[in-house]
Amino acid sequence: MIDYSDCRVAGDGVQGAPCASDAECAPGFTCIDGSNPSCHRYCLTDDPAQGCAAGERCEHWALLDAVRYGICI
């Protein structure tokens, strides 16, 4: 289970949904900037099976308290 938390108002955007900010993404997702900003699910880099759907990979995103978090892409 991923225990990273980010206290904010949650939207309803899930994997791949367009977004302008984190507030548009559902709990467990974050808005990643780029040419087409979209919501991406958090995952654990050291246990990529937790969080990502089949065909996705867990890309390293942050290191917090010795836990490597990522996002599914």
PDB file of N, CA and C in Angstrom:
ATOM      1  N   MET A   1       0.839  -1.176   0.000  1.00  0.00           N
ATOM      2  CA  MET A   1       0.000   0.000   0.000  1.00  0.00           C
ATOM      3  C   MET A   1       0.886   1.242   0.000  1.00  0.00           C
ATOM      4  N   ILE A   2       0.541   2.206  -0.809  1.00  0.00           N
ATOM      5  CA  ILE A   2       1.290   3.448  -0.884  1.00  0.00           C
ATOM      6  C   ILE A   2       0.775   4.384   0.201  1.00  0.00           C
ATOM      7  N   ASP A   3       1.679   4.873   1.061  1.00  0.00           N
ATOM      8  CA  ASP A   3       1.230   5.717   2.160  1.00  0.00           C
ATOM      9  C   ASP A   3       1.675   7.161   2.020  1.00  0.00           C
ATOM     10  N   TYR A   4       2.052   7.574   0.835  1.00  0.00           N
ATOM     11  CA  TYR A   4       2.377   8.973   0.579  1.00  0.00           C
ATOM     12  C   TYR A   4       1.073   9.765   0.630  1.00  0.00           C
ATOM     13  N   SER A   5       1.084  10.919   1.259  1.00  0.00           N
ATOM     14  CA  SER A   5      -0.132  11.730   1.296  1.00  0.00           C
ATOM     15  C   SER A   5       0.174  13.162   0.881  1.00  0.00           C
ATOM     16  N   ASP A   6      -0.826  13.786   0.337  1.00  0.00           N
ATOM     17  CA  ASP A   6      -0.737  15.153  -0.139  1.00  0.00           C
ATOM     18  C   ASP A   6      -2.084  15.786   0.181  1.00  0.00           C
ATOM     19  N   CYS A   7      -2.147  16.613   1.205  1.00  0.00           N
ATOM     20  CA  CYS A   7      -3.416  17.195   1.641  1.00  0.00           C
ATOM     21  C   CYS A   7      -3.835  18.312   0.701  1.00  0.00           C
ATOM     22  N   ARG A   8      -4.916  18.089  -0.022  1.00  0.00           N
ATOM     23  CA  ARG A   8      -5.433  19.060  -0.978  1.00  0.00           C
ATOM     24  C   ARG A   8      -6.841  18.666  -1.372  1.00  0.00           C
ATOM     25  N   VAL A   9      -7.555  19.578  -1.987  1.00  0.00           N
ATOM     26  CA  VAL A   9      -8.868  19.263  -2.535  1.00  0.00           C
ATOM     27  C   VAL A   9      -8.643  18.345  -3.728  1.00  0.00           C
ATOM     28  N   ALA A  10      -9.396  17.271  -3.804  1.00  0.00           N
ATOM     29  CA  ALA A  10      -9.208  16.296  -4.881  1.00  0.00           C
ATOM     30  C   ALA A  10     -10.228  16.492  -5.989  1.00  0.00           C
ATOM     31  N   GLY A  11      -9.759  16.260  -7.202  1.00  0.00           N
ATOM     32  CA  GLY A  11     -10.641  16.278  -8.359  1.00  0.00           C
ATOM     33  C   GLY A  11     -11.048  14.851  -8.687  1.00  0.00           C
ATOM     34  N   ASP A  12     -11.362  14.602  -9.948  1.00  0.00           N
ATOM     35  CA  ASP A  12     -11.763  13.253 -10.343  1.00  0.00           C
ATOM     36  C   ASP A  12     -10.951  12.707 -11.515  1.00  0.00           C
ATOM     37  N   GLY A  13      -9.885  13.410 -11.909  1.00  0.00           N
ATOM     38  CA  GLY A  13      -9.047  12.958 -13.021  1.00  0.00           C
ATOM     39  C   GLY A  13      -8.215  11.744 -12.651  1.00  0.00           C
ATOM     40  N   VAL A  14      -8.253  10.719 -13.484  1.00  0.00           N
ATOM     41  CA  VAL A  14      -7.471   9.510 -13.265  1.00  0.00           C
ATOM     42  C   VAL A  14      -6.382   9.412 -14.331  1.00  0.00           C
ATOM     43  N   GLN A  15      -5.702   8.280 -14.407  1.00  0.00           N
ATOM     44  CA  GLN A  15      -4.554   8.095 -15.294  1.00  0.00           C
ATOM     45  C   GLN A  15      -4.820   8.612 -16.699  1.00  0.00           C
ATOM     46  N   GLY A  16      -4.018   9.605 -17.118  1.00  0.00           N
ATOM     47  CA  GLY A  16      -4.092  10.145 -18.468  1.00  0.00           C
ATOM     48  C   GLY A  16      -5.095  11.273 -18.664  1.00  0.00           C
ATOM     49  N   ALA A  17      -5.894  11.588 -17.640  1.00  0.00           N
ATOM     50  CA  ALA A  17      -6.874  12.673 -17.780  1.00  0.00           C
ATOM     51  C   ALA A  17      -6.144  14.015 -17.865  1.00  0.00           C
ATOM     52  N   PRO A  18      -6.575  14.912 -18.736  1.00  0.00           N
ATOM     53  CA  PRO A  18      -5.933  16.223 -18.827  1.00  0.00           C
ATOM     54  C   PRO A  18      -6.120  17.003 -17.529  1.00  0.00           C
ATOM     55  N   CYS A  19      -5.138  17.835 -17.191  1.00  0.00           N
ATOM     56  CA  CYS A  19      -5.220  18.613 -15.956  1.00  0.00           C
ATOM     57  C   CYS A  19      -4.412  19.894 -16.108  1.00  0.00           C
ATOM     58  N   ALA A  20      -4.778  20.882 -15.282  1.00  0.00           N
ATOM     59  CA  ALA A  20      -4.022  22.124 -15.228  1.00  0.00           C
ATOM     60  C   ALA A  20      -3.322  22.239 -13.880  1.00  0.00           C
ATOM     61  N   SER A  21      -3.785  21.447 -12.885  1.00  0.00           N
ATOM     62  CA  SER A  21      -3.185  21.451 -11.548  1.00  0.00           C
ATOM     63  C   SER A  21      -3.543  20.146 -10.836  1.00  0.00           C
ATOM     64  N   ASP A  22      -2.872  19.885  -9.709  1.00  0.00           N
ATOM     65  CA  ASP A  22      -3.156  18.691  -8.914  1.00  0.00           C
ATOM     66  C   ASP A  22      -4.608  18.642  -8.451  1.00  0.00           C
ATOM     67  N   ALA A  23      -5.231  19.795  -8.272  1.00  0.00           N
ATOM     68  CA  ALA A  23      -6.607  19.860  -7.793  1.00  0.00           C
ATOM     69  C   ALA A  23      -7.588  19.181  -8.745  1.00  0.00           C
ATOM     70  N   GLU A  24      -7.187  18.953  -9.971  1.00  0.00           N
ATOM     71  CA  GLU A  24      -8.058  18.303 -10.950  1.00  0.00           C
ATOM     72  C   GLU A  24      -7.894  16.784 -10.963  1.00  0.00           C
ATOM     73  N   CYS A  25      -6.902  16.263 -10.225  1.00  0.00           N
ATOM     74  CA  CYS A  25      -6.640  14.828 -10.212  1.00  0.00           C
ATOM     75  C   CYS A  25      -7.259  14.171  -8.978  1.00  0.00           C
ATOM     76  N   ALA A  26      -7.665  12.924  -9.137  1.00  0.00           N
ATOM     77  CA  ALA A  26      -8.276  12.144  -8.060  1.00  0.00           C
ATOM     78  C   ALA A  26      -7.240  11.817  -6.978  1.00  0.00           C
ATOM     79  N   PRO A  27      -7.693  11.412  -5.791  1.00  0.00           N
ATOM     80  CA  PRO A  27      -6.751  10.978  -4.746  1.00  0.00           C
ATOM     81  C   PRO A  27      -5.838   9.870  -5.278  1.00  0.00           C
ATOM     82  N   GLY A  28      -4.545   9.964  -4.970  1.00  0.00           N
ATOM     83  CA  GLY A  28      -3.575   8.979  -5.438  1.00  0.00           C
ATOM     84  C   GLY A  28      -2.953   9.323  -6.778  1.00  0.00           C
ATOM     85  N   PHE A  29      -3.349  10.470  -7.343  1.00  0.00           N
ATOM     86  CA  PHE A  29      -2.838  10.920  -8.642  1.00  0.00           C
ATOM     87  C   PHE A  29      -2.259  12.323  -8.509  1.00  0.00           C
ATOM     88  N   THR A  30      -1.367  12.685  -9.414  1.00  0.00           N
ATOM     89  CA  THR A  30      -0.793  14.030  -9.454  1.00  0.00           C
ATOM     90  C   THR A  30      -0.760  14.513 -10.894  1.00  0.00           C
ATOM     91  N   CYS A  31      -0.804  15.820 -11.079  1.00  0.00           N
ATOM     92  CA  CYS A  31      -0.766  16.413 -12.414  1.00  0.00           C
ATOM     93  C   CYS A  31       0.690  16.612 -12.817  1.00  0.00           C
ATOM     94  N   ILE A  32       1.097  16.034 -13.919  1.00  0.00           N
ATOM     95  CA  ILE A  32       2.466  16.151 -14.421  1.00  0.00           C
ATOM     96  C   ILE A  32       2.465  17.071 -15.631  1.00  0.00           C
ATOM     97  N   ASP A  33       3.296  18.118 -15.535  1.00  0.00           N
ATOM     98  CA  ASP A  33       3.405  19.087 -16.629  1.00  0.00           C
ATOM     99  C   ASP A  33       4.086  18.465 -17.830  1.00  0.00           C
ATOM    100  N   GLY A  34       3.916  19.074 -18.935  1.00  0.00           N
ATOM    101  CA  GLY A  34       4.534  18.654 -20.184  1.00  0.00           C
ATOM    102  C   GLY A  34       3.765  19.295 -21.315  1.00  0.00           C
ATOM    103  N   SER A  35       3.948  18.800 -22.516  1.00  0.00           N
ATOM    104  CA  SER A  35       3.223  19.385 -23.643  1.00  0.00           C
ATOM    105  C   SER A  35       1.725  19.108 -23.527  1.00  0.00           C
ATOM    106  N   ASN A  36       1.369  17.998 -22.871  1.00  0.00           N
ATOM    107  CA  ASN A  36      -0.026  17.641 -22.610  1.00  0.00           C
ATOM    108  C   ASN A  36      -0.152  17.248 -21.147  1.00  0.00           C
ATOM    109  N   PRO A  37      -0.277  18.221 -20.206  1.00  0.00           N
ATOM    110  CA  PRO A  37      -0.348  17.885 -18.785  1.00  0.00           C
ATOM    111  C   PRO A  37      -1.466  16.887 -18.514  1.00  0.00           C
ATOM    112  N   SER A  38      -1.156  15.872 -17.699  1.00  0.00           N
ATOM    113  CA  SER A  38      -2.156  14.851 -17.390  1.00  0.00           C
ATOM    114  C   SER A  38      -1.926  14.258 -16.008  1.00  0.00           C
ATOM    115  N   CYS A  39      -2.975  13.629 -15.480  1.00  0.00           N
ATOM    116  CA  CYS A  39      -2.924  12.995 -14.166  1.00  0.00           C
ATOM    117  C   CYS A  39      -2.184  11.665 -14.258  1.00  0.00           C
ATOM    118  N   HIS A  40      -1.355  11.393 -13.250  1.00  0.00           N
ATOM    119  CA  HIS A  40      -0.609  10.134 -13.182  1.00  0.00           C
ATOM    120  C   HIS A  40      -0.691   9.580 -11.769  1.00  0.00           C
ATOM    121  N   ARG A  41      -0.878   8.262 -11.669  1.00  0.00           N
ATOM    122  CA  ARG A  41      -0.992   7.589 -10.377  1.00  0.00           C
ATOM    123  C   ARG A  41       0.376   7.490  -9.713  1.00  0.00           C
ATOM    124  N   TYR A  42       0.393   7.694  -8.377  1.00  0.00           N
ATOM    125  CA  TYR A  42       1.606   7.460  -7.595  1.00  0.00           C
ATOM    126  C   TYR A  42       1.878   5.963  -7.530  1.00  0.00           C
ATOM    127  N   CYS A  43       3.139   5.580  -7.409  1.00  0.00           N
ATOM    128  CA  CYS A  43       3.535   4.180  -7.242  1.00  0.00           C
ATOM    129  C   CYS A  43       4.801   4.141  -6.405  1.00  0.00           C
ATOM    130  N   LEU A  44       5.220   2.955  -6.015  1.00  0.00           N
ATOM    131  CA  LEU A  44       6.467   2.772  -5.277  1.00  0.00           C
ATOM    132  C   LEU A  44       7.519   2.257  -6.240  1.00  0.00           C
ATOM    133  N   THR A  45       8.597   3.011  -6.419  1.00  0.00           N
ATOM    134  CA  THR A  45       9.633   2.635  -7.376  1.00  0.00           C
ATOM    135  C   THR A  45      10.229   1.271  -7.053  1.00  0.00           C
ATOM    136  N   ASP A  46      10.398   0.966  -5.753  1.00  0.00           N
ATOM    137  CA  ASP A  46      10.992  -0.312  -5.373  1.00  0.00           C
ATOM    138  C   ASP A  46       9.997  -1.468  -5.421  1.00  0.00           C
ATOM    139  N   ASP A  47       8.724  -1.192  -5.614  1.00  0.00           N
ATOM    140  CA  ASP A  47       7.692  -2.223  -5.741  1.00  0.00           C
ATOM    141  C   ASP A  47       6.691  -1.757  -6.793  1.00  0.00           C
ATOM    142  N   PRO A  48       7.100  -1.711  -8.066  1.00  0.00           N
ATOM    143  CA  PRO A  48       6.264  -1.145  -9.119  1.00  0.00           C
ATOM    144  C   PRO A  48       4.944  -1.872  -9.342  1.00  0.00           C
ATOM    145  N   ALA A  49       4.802  -3.080  -8.804  1.00  0.00           N
ATOM    146  CA  ALA A  49       3.538  -3.790  -8.951  1.00  0.00           C
ATOM    147  C   ALA A  49       2.430  -3.090  -8.165  1.00  0.00           C
ATOM    148  N   GLN A  50       2.820  -2.276  -7.191  1.00  0.00           N
ATOM    149  CA  GLN A  50       1.832  -1.550  -6.404  1.00  0.00           C
ATOM    150  C   GLN A  50       1.508  -0.228  -7.064  1.00  0.00           C
ATOM    151  N   GLY A  51       0.361  -0.140  -7.661  1.00  0.00           N
ATOM    152  CA  GLY A  51      -0.089   1.134  -8.191  1.00  0.00           C
ATOM    153  C   GLY A  51      -0.252   1.234  -9.685  1.00  0.00           C
ATOM    154  N   CYS A  52       0.609   0.612 -10.475  1.00  0.00           N
ATOM    155  CA  CYS A  52       0.534   0.768 -11.928  1.00  0.00           C
ATOM    156  C   CYS A  52      -0.276  -0.351 -12.574  1.00  0.00           C
ATOM    157  N   ALA A  53      -0.990   0.015 -13.625  1.00  0.00           N
ATOM    158  CA  ALA A  53      -1.764  -0.957 -14.391  1.00  0.00           C
ATOM    159  C   ALA A  53      -0.836  -1.720 -15.336  1.00  0.00           C
ATOM    160  N   ALA A  54      -1.328  -2.815 -15.870  1.00  0.00           N
ATOM    161  CA  ALA A  54      -0.563  -3.604 -16.837  1.00  0.00           C
ATOM    162  C   ALA A  54      -0.161  -2.722 -18.008  1.00  0.00           C
ATOM    163  N   GLY A  55       1.079  -2.832 -18.429  1.00  0.00           N
ATOM    164  CA  GLY A  55       1.581  -2.054 -19.548  1.00  0.00           C
ATOM    165  C   GLY A  55       2.172  -0.711 -19.156  1.00  0.00           C
ATOM    166  N   GLU A  56       2.044  -0.328 -17.867  1.00  0.00           N
ATOM    167  CA  GLU A  56       2.639   0.918 -17.385  1.00  0.00           C
ATOM    168  C   GLU A  56       3.879   0.592 -16.574  1.00  0.00           C
ATOM    169  N   ARG A  57       4.736   1.602 -16.390  1.00  0.00           N
ATOM    170  CA  ARG A  57       5.915   1.408 -15.550  1.00  0.00           C
ATOM    171  C   ARG A  57       5.952   2.511 -14.502  1.00  0.00           C
ATOM    172  N   CYS A  58       6.648   2.244 -13.418  1.00  0.00           N
ATOM    173  CA  CYS A  58       6.770   3.194 -12.317  1.00  0.00           C
ATOM    174  C   CYS A  58       8.058   3.979 -12.502  1.00  0.00           C
ATOM    175  N   GLU A  59       7.947   5.255 -12.825  1.00  0.00           N
ATOM    176  CA  GLU A  59       9.081   6.134 -13.072  1.00  0.00           C
ATOM    177  C   GLU A  59       9.392   6.926 -11.805  1.00  0.00           C
ATOM    178  N   HIS A  60      10.658   6.886 -11.352  1.00  0.00           N
ATOM    179  CA  HIS A  60      11.041   7.574 -10.114  1.00  0.00           C
ATOM    180  C   HIS A  60      10.642   9.044 -10.165  1.00  0.00           C
ATOM    181  N   TRP A  61      10.098   9.541  -9.038  1.00  0.00           N
ATOM    182  CA  TRP A  61       9.621  10.913  -8.977  1.00  0.00           C
ATOM    183  C   TRP A  61      10.123  11.647  -7.739  1.00  0.00           C
ATOM    184  N   ALA A  62      10.163  10.957  -6.572  1.00  0.00           N
ATOM    185  CA  ALA A  62      10.574  11.633  -5.333  1.00  0.00           C
ATOM    186  C   ALA A  62      11.128  10.624  -4.336  1.00  0.00           C
ATOM    187  N   LEU A  63      12.009  11.114  -3.442  1.00  0.00           N
ATOM    188  CA  LEU A  63      12.543  10.311  -2.352  1.00  0.00           C
ATOM    189  C   LEU A  63      12.135  10.996  -1.055  1.00  0.00           C
ATOM    190  N   LEU A  64      11.299  10.341  -0.267  1.00  0.00           N
ATOM    191  CA  LEU A  64      10.802  10.902   0.986  1.00  0.00           C
ATOM    192  C   LEU A  64      11.009   9.881   2.095  1.00  0.00           C
ATOM    193  N   ASP A  65      11.772  10.252   3.116  1.00  0.00           N
ATOM    194  CA  ASP A  65      12.044   9.362   4.251  1.00  0.00           C
ATOM    195  C   ASP A  65      12.526   7.987   3.790  1.00  0.00           C
ATOM    196  N   ALA A  66      13.457   7.964   2.854  1.00  0.00           N
ATOM    197  CA  ALA A  66      14.085   6.748   2.324  1.00  0.00           C
ATOM    198  C   ALA A  66      13.130   5.859   1.526  1.00  0.00           C
ATOM    199  N   VAL A  67      11.966   6.369   1.174  1.00  0.00           N
ATOM    200  CA  VAL A  67      11.025   5.629   0.327  1.00  0.00           C
ATOM    201  C   VAL A  67      11.032   6.293  -1.039  1.00  0.00           C
ATOM    202  N   ARG A  68      11.252   5.480  -2.082  1.00  0.00           N
ATOM    203  CA  ARG A  68      11.300   6.004  -3.450  1.00  0.00           C
ATOM    204  C   ARG A  68       9.920   5.916  -4.079  1.00  0.00           C
ATOM    205  N   TYR A  69       9.317   7.083  -4.280  1.00  0.00           N
ATOM    206  CA  TYR A  69       7.997   7.160  -4.913  1.00  0.00           C
ATOM    207  C   TYR A  69       8.161   7.444  -6.389  1.00  0.00           C
ATOM    208  N   GLY A  70       7.180   7.049  -7.146  1.00  0.00           N
ATOM    209  CA  GLY A  70       7.197   7.294  -8.572  1.00  0.00           C
ATOM    210  C   GLY A  70       5.804   7.622  -9.076  1.00  0.00           C
ATOM    211  N   ILE A  71       5.713   7.759 -10.375  1.00  0.00           N
ATOM    212  CA  ILE A  71       4.431   7.934 -11.039  1.00  0.00           C
ATOM    213  C   ILE A  71       4.333   6.903 -12.157  1.00  0.00           C
ATOM    214  N   CYS A  72       3.127   6.452 -12.417  1.00  0.00           N
ATOM    215  CA  CYS A  72       2.913   5.473 -13.477  1.00  0.00           C
ATOM    216  C   CYS A  72       2.876   6.186 -14.826  1.00  0.00           C
ATOM    217  N   ILE A  73       3.663   5.680 -15.761  1.00  0.00           N
ATOM    218  CA  ILE A  73       3.653   6.243 -17.114  1.00  0.00           C
ATOM    219  C   ILE A  73       3.563   5.108 -18.118  1.00  0.00           C
TER     220      ILE A  73
END
